[in-house]
């Protein structure tokens, strides 16, 4: 039986492979801003994260988002949720953010307030 962390790593790898095998454009494609430090590990993680969210949007297609469940919410996924909430074509009406870590929960709540999406979230 796979552990939850192994399942998350496997799912992430599948999404990254899907994104790399298709013509997915990262959600926040700002390659020119990243070119000066392209070897930086933080930027690599951000590019992979952008590809994951772009792949999710491509898989989702033209369907409206409506209510969204985000398990394992962090800074990157909350940023993506904020971008979705600003796009009327995505029709994100509500999201549920789940994180097991109390410290992360406080940081995510503060970021949701900063991004002005806390009114959509649970």
PDB file of N, CA and C in Angstrom:
ATOM      1  N   UNK A   1       0.828  -1.162   0.000  1.00  0.00           N
ATOM      2  CA  UNK A   1       0.000   0.000   0.000  1.00  0.00           C
ATOM      3  C   UNK A   1       0.886   1.245   0.000  1.00  0.00           C
ATOM      4  N   UNK A   2       0.515   2.215  -0.828  1.00  0.00           N
ATOM      5  CA  UNK A   2       1.296   3.442  -0.919  1.00  0.00           C
ATOM      6  C   UNK A   2       0.932   4.388   0.230  1.00  0.00           C
ATOM      7  N   UNK A   3       1.957   5.053   0.746  1.00  0.00           N
ATOM      8  CA  UNK A   3       1.722   6.048   1.790  1.00  0.00           C
ATOM      9  C   UNK A   3       1.150   7.313   1.150  1.00  0.00           C
ATOM     10  N   UNK A   4       0.494   8.167   1.934  1.00  0.00           N
ATOM     11  CA  UNK A   4      -0.028   9.423   1.371  1.00  0.00           C
ATOM     12  C   UNK A   4       1.045  10.275   0.696  1.00  0.00           C
ATOM     13  N   UNK A   5       2.249  10.343   1.278  1.00  0.00           N
ATOM     14  CA  UNK A   5       3.300  11.150   0.643  1.00  0.00           C
ATOM     15  C   UNK A   5       3.764  10.527  -0.668  1.00  0.00           C
ATOM     16  N   UNK A   6       3.782   9.209  -0.746  1.00  0.00           N
ATOM     17  CA  UNK A   6       4.153   8.543  -1.994  1.00  0.00           C
ATOM     18  C   UNK A   6       3.096   8.797  -3.071  1.00  0.00           C
ATOM     19  N   UNK A   7       1.836   8.803  -2.673  1.00  0.00           N
ATOM     20  CA  UNK A   7       0.749   9.086  -3.622  1.00  0.00           C
ATOM     21  C   UNK A   7       0.871  10.509  -4.140  1.00  0.00           C
ATOM     22  N   UNK A   8       1.175  11.466  -3.238  1.00  0.00           N
ATOM     23  CA  UNK A   8       1.331  12.868  -3.664  1.00  0.00           C
ATOM     24  C   UNK A   8       2.504  13.008  -4.636  1.00  0.00           C
ATOM     25  N   UNK A   9       3.634  12.353  -4.323  1.00  0.00           N
ATOM     26  CA  UNK A   9       4.795  12.426  -5.222  1.00  0.00           C
ATOM     27  C   UNK A   9       4.466  11.821  -6.576  1.00  0.00           C
ATOM     28  N   UNK A  10       3.755  10.708  -6.586  1.00  0.00           N
ATOM     29  CA  UNK A  10       3.372  10.054  -7.829  1.00  0.00           C
ATOM     30  C   UNK A  10       2.434  10.940  -8.640  1.00  0.00           C
ATOM     31  N   UNK A  11       1.434  11.535  -7.982  1.00  0.00           N
ATOM     32  CA  UNK A  11       0.487  12.408  -8.684  1.00  0.00           C
ATOM     33  C   UNK A  11       1.206  13.620  -9.260  1.00  0.00           C
ATOM     34  N   UNK A  12       2.115  14.204  -8.499  1.00  0.00           N
ATOM     35  CA  UNK A  12       2.871  15.359  -8.987  1.00  0.00           C
ATOM     36  C   UNK A  12       3.706  14.957 -10.197  1.00  0.00           C
ATOM     37  N   UNK A  13       4.367  13.823 -10.120  1.00  0.00           N
ATOM     38  CA  UNK A  13       5.184  13.368 -11.244  1.00  0.00           C
ATOM     39  C   UNK A  13       4.329  13.142 -12.485  1.00  0.00           C
ATOM     40  N   UNK A  14       3.149  12.572 -12.311  1.00  0.00           N
ATOM     41  CA  UNK A  14       2.250  12.351 -13.451  1.00  0.00           C
ATOM     42  C   UNK A  14       1.826  13.672 -14.080  1.00  0.00           C
ATOM     43  N   UNK A  15       1.471  14.643 -13.254  1.00  0.00           N
ATOM     44  CA  UNK A  15       1.053  15.944 -13.788  1.00  0.00           C
ATOM     45  C   UNK A  15       2.203  16.651 -14.483  1.00  0.00           C
ATOM     46  N   UNK A  16       3.402  16.594 -13.919  1.00  0.00           N
ATOM     47  CA  UNK A  16       4.556  17.227 -14.558  1.00  0.00           C
ATOM     48  C   UNK A  16       4.846  16.538 -15.893  1.00  0.00           C
ATOM     49  N   UNK A  17       4.791  15.211 -15.924  1.00  0.00           N
ATOM     50  CA  UNK A  17       5.034  14.496 -17.181  1.00  0.00           C
ATOM     51  C   UNK A  17       3.968  14.851 -18.211  1.00  0.00           C
ATOM     52  N   UNK A  18       2.710  14.955 -17.790  1.00  0.00           N
ATOM     53  CA  UNK A  18       1.645  15.351 -18.704  1.00  0.00           C
ATOM     54  C   UNK A  18       1.921  16.748 -19.245  1.00  0.00           C
ATOM     55  N   UNK A  19       2.284  17.654 -18.355  1.00  0.00           N
ATOM     56  CA  UNK A  19       2.531  19.036 -18.758  1.00  0.00           C
ATOM     57  C   UNK A  19       3.697  19.115 -19.739  1.00  0.00           C
ATOM     58  N   UNK A  20       4.733  18.347 -19.496  1.00  0.00           N
ATOM     59  CA  UNK A  20       5.893  18.382 -20.369  1.00  0.00           C
ATOM     60  C   UNK A  20       5.645  17.693 -21.706  1.00  0.00           C
ATOM     61  N   UNK A  21       4.699  16.754 -21.739  1.00  0.00           N
ATOM     62  CA  UNK A  21       4.439  16.017 -22.978  1.00  0.00           C
ATOM     63  C   UNK A  21       3.398  16.686 -23.860  1.00  0.00           C
ATOM     64  N   UNK A  22       2.797  17.766 -23.376  1.00  0.00           N
ATOM     65  CA  UNK A  22       1.806  18.497 -24.159  1.00  0.00           C
ATOM     66  C   UNK A  22       2.291  19.929 -24.335  1.00  0.00           C
ATOM     67  N   UNK A  23       1.493  20.710 -24.976  1.00  0.00           N
ATOM     68  CA  UNK A  23       1.886  22.102 -25.195  1.00  0.00           C
ATOM     69  C   UNK A  23       1.287  23.001 -24.123  1.00  0.00           C
ATOM     70  N   UNK A  24       1.459  22.632 -22.880  1.00  0.00           N
ATOM     71  CA  UNK A  24       0.936  23.411 -21.759  1.00  0.00           C
ATOM     72  C   UNK A  24       1.802  24.648 -21.552  1.00  0.00           C
ATOM     73  N   UNK A  25       1.155  25.776 -21.398  1.00  0.00           N
ATOM     74  CA  UNK A  25       1.845  27.020 -21.079  1.00  0.00           C
ATOM     75  C   UNK A  25       1.645  27.284 -19.590  1.00  0.00           C
ATOM     76  N   UNK A  26       2.725  27.530 -18.854  1.00  0.00           N
ATOM     77  CA  UNK A  26       2.574  27.783 -17.425  1.00  0.00           C
ATOM     78  C   UNK A  26       1.592  28.912 -17.154  1.00  0.00           C
ATOM     79  N   UNK A  27       0.870  28.800 -16.047  1.00  0.00           N
ATOM     80  CA  UNK A  27      -0.150  29.768 -15.666  1.00  0.00           C
ATOM     81  C   UNK A  27       0.445  31.165 -15.550  1.00  0.00           C
ATOM     82  N   UNK A  28       1.571  31.281 -14.908  1.00  0.00           N
ATOM     83  CA  UNK A  28       2.205  32.597 -14.765  1.00  0.00           C
ATOM     84  C   UNK A  28       3.541  32.573 -15.498  1.00  0.00           C
ATOM     85  N   UNK A  29       3.460  32.474 -16.817  1.00  0.00           N
ATOM     86  CA  UNK A  29       4.666  32.372 -17.629  1.00  0.00           C
ATOM     87  C   UNK A  29       5.400  33.709 -17.647  1.00  0.00           C
ATOM     88  N   UNK A  30       6.430  33.782 -16.840  1.00  0.00           N
ATOM     89  CA  UNK A  30       7.248  34.984 -16.786  1.00  0.00           C
ATOM     90  C   UNK A  30       8.708  34.544 -16.905  1.00  0.00           C
ATOM     91  N   UNK A  31       9.000  33.811 -17.954  1.00  0.00           N
ATOM     92  CA  UNK A  31      10.335  33.257 -18.117  1.00  0.00           C
ATOM     93  C   UNK A  31      11.397  34.345 -18.140  1.00  0.00           C
ATOM     94  N   UNK A  32      11.075  35.510 -18.722  1.00  0.00           N
ATOM     95  CA  UNK A  32      12.062  36.571 -18.765  1.00  0.00           C
ATOM     96  C   UNK A  32      12.440  37.028 -17.369  1.00  0.00           C
ATOM     97  N   UNK A  33      11.505  36.983 -16.434  1.00  0.00           N
ATOM     98  CA  UNK A  33      11.789  37.376 -15.064  1.00  0.00           C
ATOM     99  C   UNK A  33      12.643  36.340 -14.349  1.00  0.00           C
ATOM    100  N   UNK A  34      12.603  35.131 -14.815  1.00  0.00           N
ATOM    101  CA  UNK A  34      13.306  34.039 -14.136  1.00  0.00           C
ATOM    102  C   UNK A  34      14.640  33.714 -14.783  1.00  0.00           C
ATOM    103  N   UNK A  35      14.907  34.236 -15.971  1.00  0.00           N
ATOM    104  CA  UNK A  35      16.079  33.826 -16.722  1.00  0.00           C
ATOM    105  C   UNK A  35      17.384  34.153 -16.009  1.00  0.00           C
ATOM    106  N   UNK A  36      17.413  35.209 -15.213  1.00  0.00           N
ATOM    107  CA  UNK A  36      18.648  35.597 -14.547  1.00  0.00           C
ATOM    108  C   UNK A  36      19.082  34.589 -13.494  1.00  0.00           C
ATOM    109  N   UNK A  37      18.159  33.839 -12.953  1.00  0.00           N
ATOM    110  CA  UNK A  37      18.525  32.845 -11.941  1.00  0.00           C
ATOM    111  C   UNK A  37      17.855  31.515 -12.256  1.00  0.00           C
ATOM    112  N   UNK A  38      18.012  31.050 -13.505  1.00  0.00           N
ATOM    113  CA  UNK A  38      17.310  29.845 -13.942  1.00  0.00           C
ATOM    114  C   UNK A  38      17.773  28.589 -13.217  1.00  0.00           C
ATOM    115  N   UNK A  39      18.954  28.620 -12.587  1.00  0.00           N
ATOM    116  CA  UNK A  39      19.430  27.448 -11.857  1.00  0.00           C
ATOM    117  C   UNK A  39      18.970  27.454 -10.413  1.00  0.00           C
ATOM    118  N   UNK A  40      18.328  28.501  -9.984  1.00  0.00           N
ATOM    119  CA  UNK A  40      17.860  28.624  -8.609  1.00  0.00           C
ATOM    120  C   UNK A  40      16.791  27.576  -8.325  1.00  0.00           C
ATOM    121  N   UNK A  41      16.940  26.830  -7.242  1.00  0.00           N
ATOM    122  CA  UNK A  41      16.010  25.757  -6.894  1.00  0.00           C
ATOM    123  C   UNK A  41      14.594  26.271  -6.655  1.00  0.00           C
ATOM    124  N   UNK A  42      14.462  27.432  -6.043  1.00  0.00           N
ATOM    125  CA  UNK A  42      13.142  28.015  -5.808  1.00  0.00           C
ATOM    126  C   UNK A  42      12.413  28.295  -7.106  1.00  0.00           C
ATOM    127  N   UNK A  43      13.124  28.837  -8.096  1.00  0.00           N
ATOM    128  CA  UNK A  43      12.501  29.105  -9.391  1.00  0.00           C
ATOM    129  C   UNK A  43      12.137  27.818 -10.104  1.00  0.00           C
ATOM    130  N   UNK A  44      12.956  26.780  -9.952  1.00  0.00           N
ATOM    131  CA  UNK A  44      12.642  25.489 -10.571  1.00  0.00           C
ATOM    132  C   UNK A  44      11.342  24.937  -9.986  1.00  0.00           C
ATOM    133  N   UNK A  45      11.209  25.007  -8.669  1.00  0.00           N
ATOM    134  CA  UNK A  45       9.985  24.524  -8.025  1.00  0.00           C
ATOM    135  C   UNK A  45       8.782  25.339  -8.495  1.00  0.00           C
ATOM    136  N   UNK A  46       8.955  26.660  -8.613  1.00  0.00           N
ATOM    137  CA  UNK A  46       7.853  27.516  -9.060  1.00  0.00           C
ATOM    138  C   UNK A  46       7.441  27.173 -10.490  1.00  0.00           C
ATOM    139  N   UNK A  47       8.419  26.922 -11.367  1.00  0.00           N
ATOM    140  CA  UNK A  47       8.092  26.547 -12.756  1.00  0.00           C
ATOM    141  C   UNK A  47       7.357  25.219 -12.795  1.00  0.00           C
ATOM    142  N   UNK A  48       7.807  24.245 -11.987  1.00  0.00           N
ATOM    143  CA  UNK A  48       7.115  22.954 -11.932  1.00  0.00           C
ATOM    144  C   UNK A  48       5.691  23.132 -11.420  1.00  0.00           C
ATOM    145  N   UNK A  49       5.518  23.971 -10.405  1.00  0.00           N
ATOM    146  CA  UNK A  49       4.196  24.229  -9.845  1.00  0.00           C
ATOM    147  C   UNK A  49       3.302  24.884 -10.886  1.00  0.00           C
ATOM    148  N   UNK A  50       3.841  25.878 -11.613  1.00  0.00           N
ATOM    149  CA  UNK A  50       3.074  26.521 -12.678  1.00  0.00           C
ATOM    150  C   UNK A  50       2.635  25.500 -13.713  1.00  0.00           C
ATOM    151  N   UNK A  51       3.524  24.576 -14.064  1.00  0.00           N
ATOM    152  CA  UNK A  51       3.177  23.540 -15.038  1.00  0.00           C
ATOM    153  C   UNK A  51       2.077  22.623 -14.507  1.00  0.00           C
ATOM    154  N   UNK A  52       2.136  22.315 -13.233  1.00  0.00           N
ATOM    155  CA  UNK A  52       1.104  21.457 -12.634  1.00  0.00           C
ATOM    156  C   UNK A  52      -0.260  22.138 -12.717  1.00  0.00           C
ATOM    157  N   UNK A  53      -0.322  23.403 -12.327  1.00  0.00           N
ATOM    158  CA  UNK A  53      -1.608  24.102 -12.368  1.00  0.00           C
ATOM    159  C   UNK A  53      -2.079  24.309 -13.805  1.00  0.00           C
ATOM    160  N   UNK A  54      -1.157  24.574 -14.718  1.00  0.00           N
ATOM    161  CA  UNK A  54      -1.528  24.704 -16.126  1.00  0.00           C
ATOM    162  C   UNK A  54      -2.075  23.378 -16.653  1.00  0.00           C
ATOM    163  N   UNK A  55      -1.451  22.269 -16.231  1.00  0.00           N
ATOM    164  CA  UNK A  55      -1.943  20.951 -16.651  1.00  0.00           C
ATOM    165  C   UNK A  55      -3.327  20.682 -16.084  1.00  0.00           C
ATOM    166  N   UNK A  56      -3.549  21.059 -14.834  1.00  0.00           N
ATOM    167  CA  UNK A  56      -4.876  20.880 -14.238  1.00  0.00           C
ATOM    168  C   UNK A  56      -5.928  21.676 -15.007  1.00  0.00           C
ATOM    169  N   UNK A  57      -5.585  22.910 -15.376  1.00  0.00           N
ATOM    170  CA  UNK A  57      -6.529  23.729 -16.138  1.00  0.00           C
ATOM    171  C   UNK A  57      -6.793  23.132 -17.520  1.00  0.00           C
ATOM    172  N   UNK A  58      -5.742  22.586 -18.132  1.00  0.00           N
ATOM    173  CA  UNK A  58      -5.925  21.978 -19.453  1.00  0.00           C
ATOM    174  C   UNK A  58      -6.809  20.741 -19.351  1.00  0.00           C
ATOM    175  N   UNK A  59      -6.574  19.922 -18.343  1.00  0.00           N
ATOM    176  CA  UNK A  59      -7.394  18.723 -18.143  1.00  0.00           C
ATOM    177  C   UNK A  59      -8.839  19.122 -17.866  1.00  0.00           C
ATOM    178  N   UNK A  60      -9.019  20.183 -17.092  1.00  0.00           N
ATOM    179  CA  UNK A  60     -10.358  20.653 -16.727  1.00  0.00           C
ATOM    180  C   UNK A  60     -11.110  21.189 -17.943  1.00  0.00           C
ATOM    181  N   UNK A  61     -10.352  21.719 -18.888  1.00  0.00           N
ATOM    182  CA  UNK A  61     -10.956  22.204 -20.129  1.00  0.00           C
ATOM    183  C   UNK A  61     -11.819  23.437 -19.925  1.00  0.00           C
ATOM    184  N   UNK A  62     -12.909  23.504 -20.672  1.00  0.00           N
ATOM    185  CA  UNK A  62     -13.790  24.667 -20.646  1.00  0.00           C
ATOM    186  C   UNK A  62     -14.833  24.616 -19.528  1.00  0.00           C
ATOM    187  N   UNK A  63     -14.848  23.520 -18.789  1.00  0.00           N
ATOM    188  CA  UNK A  63     -15.823  23.416 -17.698  1.00  0.00           C
ATOM    189  C   UNK A  63     -15.551  24.465 -16.636  1.00  0.00           C
ATOM    190  N   UNK A  64     -16.603  24.940 -15.993  1.00  0.00           N
ATOM    191  CA  UNK A  64     -16.463  25.918 -14.924  1.00  0.00           C
ATOM    192  C   UNK A  64     -15.917  25.249 -13.674  1.00  0.00           C
ATOM    193  N   UNK A  65     -15.169  25.990 -12.880  1.00  0.00           N
ATOM    194  CA  UNK A  65     -14.596  25.422 -11.666  1.00  0.00           C
ATOM    195  C   UNK A  65     -15.614  25.311 -10.544  1.00  0.00           C
ATOM    196  N   UNK A  66     -16.477  26.315 -10.370  1.00  0.00           N
ATOM    197  CA  UNK A  66     -17.482  26.243  -9.316  1.00  0.00           C
ATOM    198  C   UNK A  66     -16.838  26.107  -7.957  1.00  0.00           C
ATOM    199  N   UNK A  67     -17.075  24.980  -7.282  1.00  0.00           N
ATOM    200  CA  UNK A  67     -16.487  24.698  -5.974  1.00  0.00           C
ATOM    201  C   UNK A  67     -15.214  23.876  -6.160  1.00  0.00           C
ATOM    202  N   UNK A  68     -14.151  24.304  -5.517  1.00  0.00           N
ATOM    203  CA  UNK A  68     -12.841  23.673  -5.676  1.00  0.00           C
ATOM    204  C   UNK A  68     -12.351  23.162  -4.331  1.00  0.00           C
ATOM    205  N   UNK A  69     -11.854  21.947  -4.300  1.00  0.00           N
ATOM    206  CA  UNK A  69     -11.238  21.369  -3.103  1.00  0.00           C
ATOM    207  C   UNK A  69      -9.733  21.344  -3.320  1.00  0.00           C
ATOM    208  N   UNK A  70      -8.990  21.932  -2.407  1.00  0.00           N
ATOM    209  CA  UNK A  70      -7.528  21.921  -2.469  1.00  0.00           C
ATOM    210  C   UNK A  70      -6.996  21.246  -1.221  1.00  0.00           C
ATOM    211  N   UNK A  71      -6.577  20.014  -1.362  1.00  0.00           N
ATOM    212  CA  UNK A  71      -6.013  19.268  -0.235  1.00  0.00           C
ATOM    213  C   UNK A  71      -4.498  19.456  -0.230  1.00  0.00           C
ATOM    214  N   UNK A  72      -3.975  19.887   0.890  1.00  0.00           N
ATOM    215  CA  UNK A  72      -2.550  20.165   0.984  1.00  0.00           C
ATOM    216  C   UNK A  72      -2.241  21.588   0.559  1.00  0.00           C
ATOM    217  N   UNK A  73      -3.113  22.504   0.922  1.00  0.00           N
ATOM    218  CA  UNK A  73      -3.003  23.896   0.497  1.00  0.00           C
ATOM    219  C   UNK A  73      -1.706  24.530   0.985  1.00  0.00           C
ATOM    220  N   UNK A  74      -1.093  25.255   0.084  1.00  0.00           N
ATOM    221  CA  UNK A  74       0.115  26.009   0.397  1.00  0.00           C
ATOM    222  C   UNK A  74       0.108  27.315  -0.371  1.00  0.00           C
ATOM    223  N   UNK A  75       1.240  27.990  -0.333  1.00  0.00           N
ATOM    224  CA  UNK A  75       1.374  29.299  -0.971  1.00  0.00           C
ATOM    225  C   UNK A  75       1.079  29.223  -2.477  1.00  0.00           C
ATOM    226  N   UNK A  76       1.643  28.227  -3.158  1.00  0.00           N
ATOM    227  CA  UNK A  76       1.477  28.129  -4.606  1.00  0.00           C
ATOM    228  C   UNK A  76       0.035  27.850  -4.996  1.00  0.00           C
ATOM    229  N   UNK A  77      -0.592  26.893  -4.334  1.00  0.00           N
ATOM    230  CA  UNK A  77      -1.959  26.559  -4.732  1.00  0.00           C
ATOM    231  C   UNK A  77      -2.932  27.678  -4.379  1.00  0.00           C
ATOM    232  N   UNK A  78      -2.673  28.396  -3.282  1.00  0.00           N
ATOM    233  CA  UNK A  78      -3.547  29.511  -2.947  1.00  0.00           C
ATOM    234  C   UNK A  78      -3.382  30.655  -3.953  1.00  0.00           C
ATOM    235  N   UNK A  79      -2.165  30.852  -4.440  1.00  0.00           N
ATOM    236  CA  UNK A  79      -1.945  31.839  -5.495  1.00  0.00           C
ATOM    237  C   UNK A  79      -2.707  31.478  -6.758  1.00  0.00           C
ATOM    238  N   UNK A  80      -2.715  30.186  -7.090  1.00  0.00           N
ATOM    239  CA  UNK A  80      -3.466  29.708  -8.262  1.00  0.00           C
ATOM    240  C   UNK A  80      -4.967  29.924  -8.055  1.00  0.00           C
ATOM    241  N   UNK A  81      -5.448  29.624  -6.860  1.00  0.00           N
ATOM    242  CA  UNK A  81      -6.862  29.834  -6.546  1.00  0.00           C
ATOM    243  C   UNK A  81      -7.214  31.315  -6.702  1.00  0.00           C
ATOM    244  N   UNK A  82      -6.330  32.193  -6.244  1.00  0.00           N
ATOM    245  CA  UNK A  82      -6.572  33.636  -6.384  1.00  0.00           C
ATOM    246  C   UNK A  82      -6.652  34.032  -7.854  1.00  0.00           C
ATOM    247  N   UNK A  83      -5.755  33.463  -8.689  1.00  0.00           N
ATOM    248  CA  UNK A  83      -5.805  33.762 -10.134  1.00  0.00           C
ATOM    249  C   UNK A  83      -7.109  33.257 -10.738  1.00  0.00           C
ATOM    250  N   UNK A  84      -7.535  32.050 -10.337  1.00  0.00           N
ATOM    251  CA  UNK A  84      -8.803  31.516 -10.852  1.00  0.00           C
ATOM    252  C   UNK A  84      -9.976  32.410 -10.457  1.00  0.00           C
ATOM    253  N   UNK A  85      -9.948  32.911  -9.223  1.00  0.00           N
ATOM    254  CA  UNK A  85     -11.066  33.711  -8.726  1.00  0.00           C
ATOM    255  C   UNK A  85     -11.197  35.034  -9.471  1.00  0.00           C
ATOM    256  N   UNK A  86     -10.121  35.488 -10.094  1.00  0.00           N
ATOM    257  CA  UNK A  86     -10.142  36.757 -10.819  1.00  0.00           C
ATOM    258  C   UNK A  86     -10.522  36.588 -12.287  1.00  0.00           C
ATOM    259  N   UNK A  87     -10.688  35.344 -12.728  1.00  0.00           N
ATOM    260  CA  UNK A  87     -11.020  35.073 -14.129  1.00  0.00           C
ATOM    261  C   UNK A  87     -12.487  34.670 -14.218  1.00  0.00           C
ATOM    262  N   UNK A  88     -13.352  35.557 -14.708  1.00  0.00           N
ATOM    263  CA  UNK A  88     -14.790  35.248 -14.775  1.00  0.00           C
ATOM    264  C   UNK A  88     -15.089  33.992 -15.600  1.00  0.00           C
ATOM    265  N   UNK A  89     -14.243  33.681 -16.566  1.00  0.00           N
ATOM    266  CA  UNK A  89     -14.465  32.498 -17.401  1.00  0.00           C
ATOM    267  C   UNK A  89     -14.291  31.196 -16.614  1.00  0.00           C
ATOM    268  N   UNK A  90     -13.560  31.242 -15.505  1.00  0.00           N
ATOM    269  CA  UNK A  90     -13.334  30.038 -14.682  1.00  0.00           C
ATOM    270  C   UNK A  90     -14.476  29.817 -13.693  1.00  0.00           C
ATOM    271  N   UNK A  91     -15.191  30.885 -13.325  1.00  0.00           N
ATOM    272  CA  UNK A  91     -16.350  30.827 -12.441  1.00  0.00           C
ATOM    273  C   UNK A  91     -16.074  30.053 -11.148  1.00  0.00           C
ATOM    274  N   UNK A  92     -14.983  30.419 -10.485  1.00  0.00           N
ATOM    275  CA  UNK A  92     -14.694  29.832  -9.177  1.00  0.00           C
ATOM    276  C   UNK A  92     -15.597  30.511  -8.157  1.00  0.00           C
ATOM    277  N   UNK A  93     -16.526  29.749  -7.590  1.00  0.00           N
ATOM    278  CA  UNK A  93     -17.488  30.331  -6.661  1.00  0.00           C
ATOM    279  C   UNK A  93     -17.119  30.094  -5.201  1.00  0.00           C
ATOM    280  N   UNK A  94     -16.367  29.029  -4.937  1.00  0.00           N
ATOM    281  CA  UNK A  94     -15.999  28.692  -3.570  1.00  0.00           C
ATOM    282  C   UNK A  94     -14.838  27.726  -3.605  1.00  0.00           C
ATOM    283  N   UNK A  95     -13.993  27.759  -2.569  1.00  0.00           N
ATOM    284  CA  UNK A  95     -12.944  26.752  -2.454  1.00  0.00           C
ATOM    285  C   UNK A  95     -12.834  26.311  -1.007  1.00  0.00           C
ATOM    286  N   UNK A  96     -12.406  25.075  -0.850  1.00  0.00           N
ATOM    287  CA  UNK A  96     -12.120  24.521   0.464  1.00  0.00           C
ATOM    288  C   UNK A  96     -10.638  24.193   0.489  1.00  0.00           C
ATOM    289  N   UNK A  97      -9.917  24.808   1.410  1.00  0.00           N
ATOM    290  CA  UNK A  97      -8.473  24.605   1.532  1.00  0.00           C
ATOM    291  C   UNK A  97      -8.207  23.748   2.767  1.00  0.00           C
ATOM    292  N   UNK A  98      -7.459  22.681   2.573  1.00  0.00           N
ATOM    293  CA  UNK A  98      -7.179  21.757   3.674  1.00  0.00           C
ATOM    294  C   UNK A  98      -5.671  21.644   3.861  1.00  0.00           C
ATOM    295  N   UNK A  99      -5.243  21.811   5.103  1.00  0.00           N
ATOM    296  CA  UNK A  99      -3.856  21.557   5.461  1.00  0.00           C
ATOM    297  C   UNK A  99      -3.844  21.013   6.887  1.00  0.00           C
ATOM    298  N   UNK A 100      -2.995  20.032   7.127  1.00  0.00           N
ATOM    299  CA  UNK A 100      -2.964  19.382   8.436  1.00  0.00           C
ATOM    300  C   UNK A 100      -2.072  20.116   9.431  1.00  0.00           C
ATOM    301  N   UNK A 101      -1.158  20.931   8.942  1.00  0.00           N
ATOM    302  CA  UNK A 101      -0.208  21.625   9.791  1.00  0.00           C
ATOM    303  C   UNK A 101      -0.803  22.939  10.297  1.00  0.00           C
ATOM    304  N   UNK A 102      -0.858  23.114  11.611  1.00  0.00           N
ATOM    305  CA  UNK A 102      -1.464  24.314  12.191  1.00  0.00           C
ATOM    306  C   UNK A 102      -0.714  25.587  11.803  1.00  0.00           C
ATOM    307  N   UNK A 103       0.616  25.510  11.736  1.00  0.00           N
ATOM    308  CA  UNK A 103       1.406  26.673  11.328  1.00  0.00           C
ATOM    309  C   UNK A 103       1.108  27.064   9.889  1.00  0.00           C
ATOM    310  N   UNK A 104       1.020  26.055   9.012  1.00  0.00           N
ATOM    311  CA  UNK A 104       0.695  26.319   7.613  1.00  0.00           C
ATOM    312  C   UNK A 104      -0.717  26.865   7.496  1.00  0.00           C
ATOM    313  N   UNK A 105      -1.618  26.363   8.318  1.00  0.00           N
ATOM    314  CA  UNK A 105      -2.999  26.850   8.292  1.00  0.00           C
ATOM    315  C   UNK A 105      -3.039  28.352   8.576  1.00  0.00           C
ATOM    316  N   UNK A 106      -2.279  28.798   9.560  1.00  0.00           N
ATOM    317  CA  UNK A 106      -2.247  30.222   9.899  1.00  0.00           C
ATOM    318  C   UNK A 106      -1.641  31.035   8.756  1.00  0.00           C
ATOM    319  N   UNK A 107      -0.568  30.515   8.135  1.00  0.00           N
ATOM    320  CA  UNK A 107       0.066  31.225   7.015  1.00  0.00           C
ATOM    321  C   UNK A 107      -0.863  31.288   5.809  1.00  0.00           C
ATOM    322  N   UNK A 108      -1.566  30.191   5.530  1.00  0.00           N
ATOM    323  CA  UNK A 108      -2.499  30.154   4.400  1.00  0.00           C
ATOM    324  C   UNK A 108      -3.667  31.112   4.645  1.00  0.00           C
ATOM    325  N   UNK A 109      -4.169  31.163   5.869  1.00  0.00           N
ATOM    326  CA  UNK A 109      -5.266  32.083   6.178  1.00  0.00           C
ATOM    327  C   UNK A 109      -4.820  33.535   6.004  1.00  0.00           C
ATOM    328  N   UNK A 110      -3.612  33.845   6.459  1.00  0.00           N
ATOM    329  CA  UNK A 110      -3.091  35.209   6.307  1.00  0.00           C
ATOM    330  C   UNK A 110      -2.921  35.545   4.826  1.00  0.00           C
ATOM    331  N   UNK A 111      -2.419  34.596   4.046  1.00  0.00           N
ATOM    332  CA  UNK A 111      -2.250  34.821   2.614  1.00  0.00           C
ATOM    333  C   UNK A 111      -3.594  34.961   1.912  1.00  0.00           C
ATOM    334  N   UNK A 112      -4.573  34.167   2.306  1.00  0.00           N
ATOM    335  CA  UNK A 112      -5.927  34.283   1.726  1.00  0.00           C
ATOM    336  C   UNK A 112      -6.488  35.675   1.980  1.00  0.00           C
ATOM    337  N   UNK A 113      -6.245  36.206   3.169  1.00  0.00           N
ATOM    338  CA  UNK A 113      -6.688  37.570   3.485  1.00  0.00           C
ATOM    339  C   UNK A 113      -5.956  38.582   2.604  1.00  0.00           C
ATOM    340  N   UNK A 114      -4.646  38.393   2.463  1.00  0.00           N
ATOM    341  CA  UNK A 114      -3.832  39.299   1.645  1.00  0.00           C
ATOM    342  C   UNK A 114      -4.258  39.268   0.177  1.00  0.00           C
ATOM    343  N   UNK A 115      -4.565  38.067  -0.331  1.00  0.00           N
ATOM    344  CA  UNK A 115      -4.972  37.909  -1.728  1.00  0.00           C
ATOM    345  C   UNK A 115      -6.447  38.234  -1.944  1.00  0.00           C
ATOM    346  N   UNK A 116      -7.131  38.526  -0.869  1.00  0.00           N
ATOM    347  CA  UNK A 116      -8.548  38.892  -0.886  1.00  0.00           C
ATOM    348  C   UNK A 116      -9.427  37.782  -1.451  1.00  0.00           C
ATOM    349  N   UNK A 117      -9.154  36.548  -1.040  1.00  0.00           N
ATOM    350  CA  UNK A 117      -9.984  35.413  -1.450  1.00  0.00           C
ATOM    351  C   UNK A 117     -10.592  34.697  -0.251  1.00  0.00           C
ATOM    352  N   UNK A 118     -10.362  35.198   0.958  1.00  0.00           N
ATOM    353  CA  UNK A 118     -10.865  34.502   2.136  1.00  0.00           C
ATOM    354  C   UNK A 118     -12.389  34.432   2.164  1.00  0.00           C
ATOM    355  N   UNK A 119     -13.059  35.361   1.481  1.00  0.00           N
ATOM    356  CA  UNK A 119     -14.520  35.330   1.450  1.00  0.00           C
ATOM    357  C   UNK A 119     -15.050  34.160   0.622  1.00  0.00           C
ATOM    358  N   UNK A 120     -14.211  33.598  -0.257  1.00  0.00           N
ATOM    359  CA  UNK A 120     -14.615  32.446  -1.070  1.00  0.00           C
ATOM    360  C   UNK A 120     -14.278  31.118  -0.396  1.00  0.00           C
ATOM    361  N   UNK A 121     -13.396  31.164   0.601  1.00  0.00           N
ATOM    362  CA  UNK A 121     -12.856  29.934   1.146  1.00  0.00           C
ATOM    363  C   UNK A 121     -13.441  29.479   2.449  1.00  0.00           C
ATOM    364  N   UNK A 122     -13.189  28.192   2.699  1.00  0.00           N
ATOM    365  CA  UNK A 122     -13.548  27.566   3.980  1.00  0.00           C
ATOM    366  C   UNK A 122     -12.287  27.045   4.600  1.00  0.00           C
TER     367      UNK A 122
END
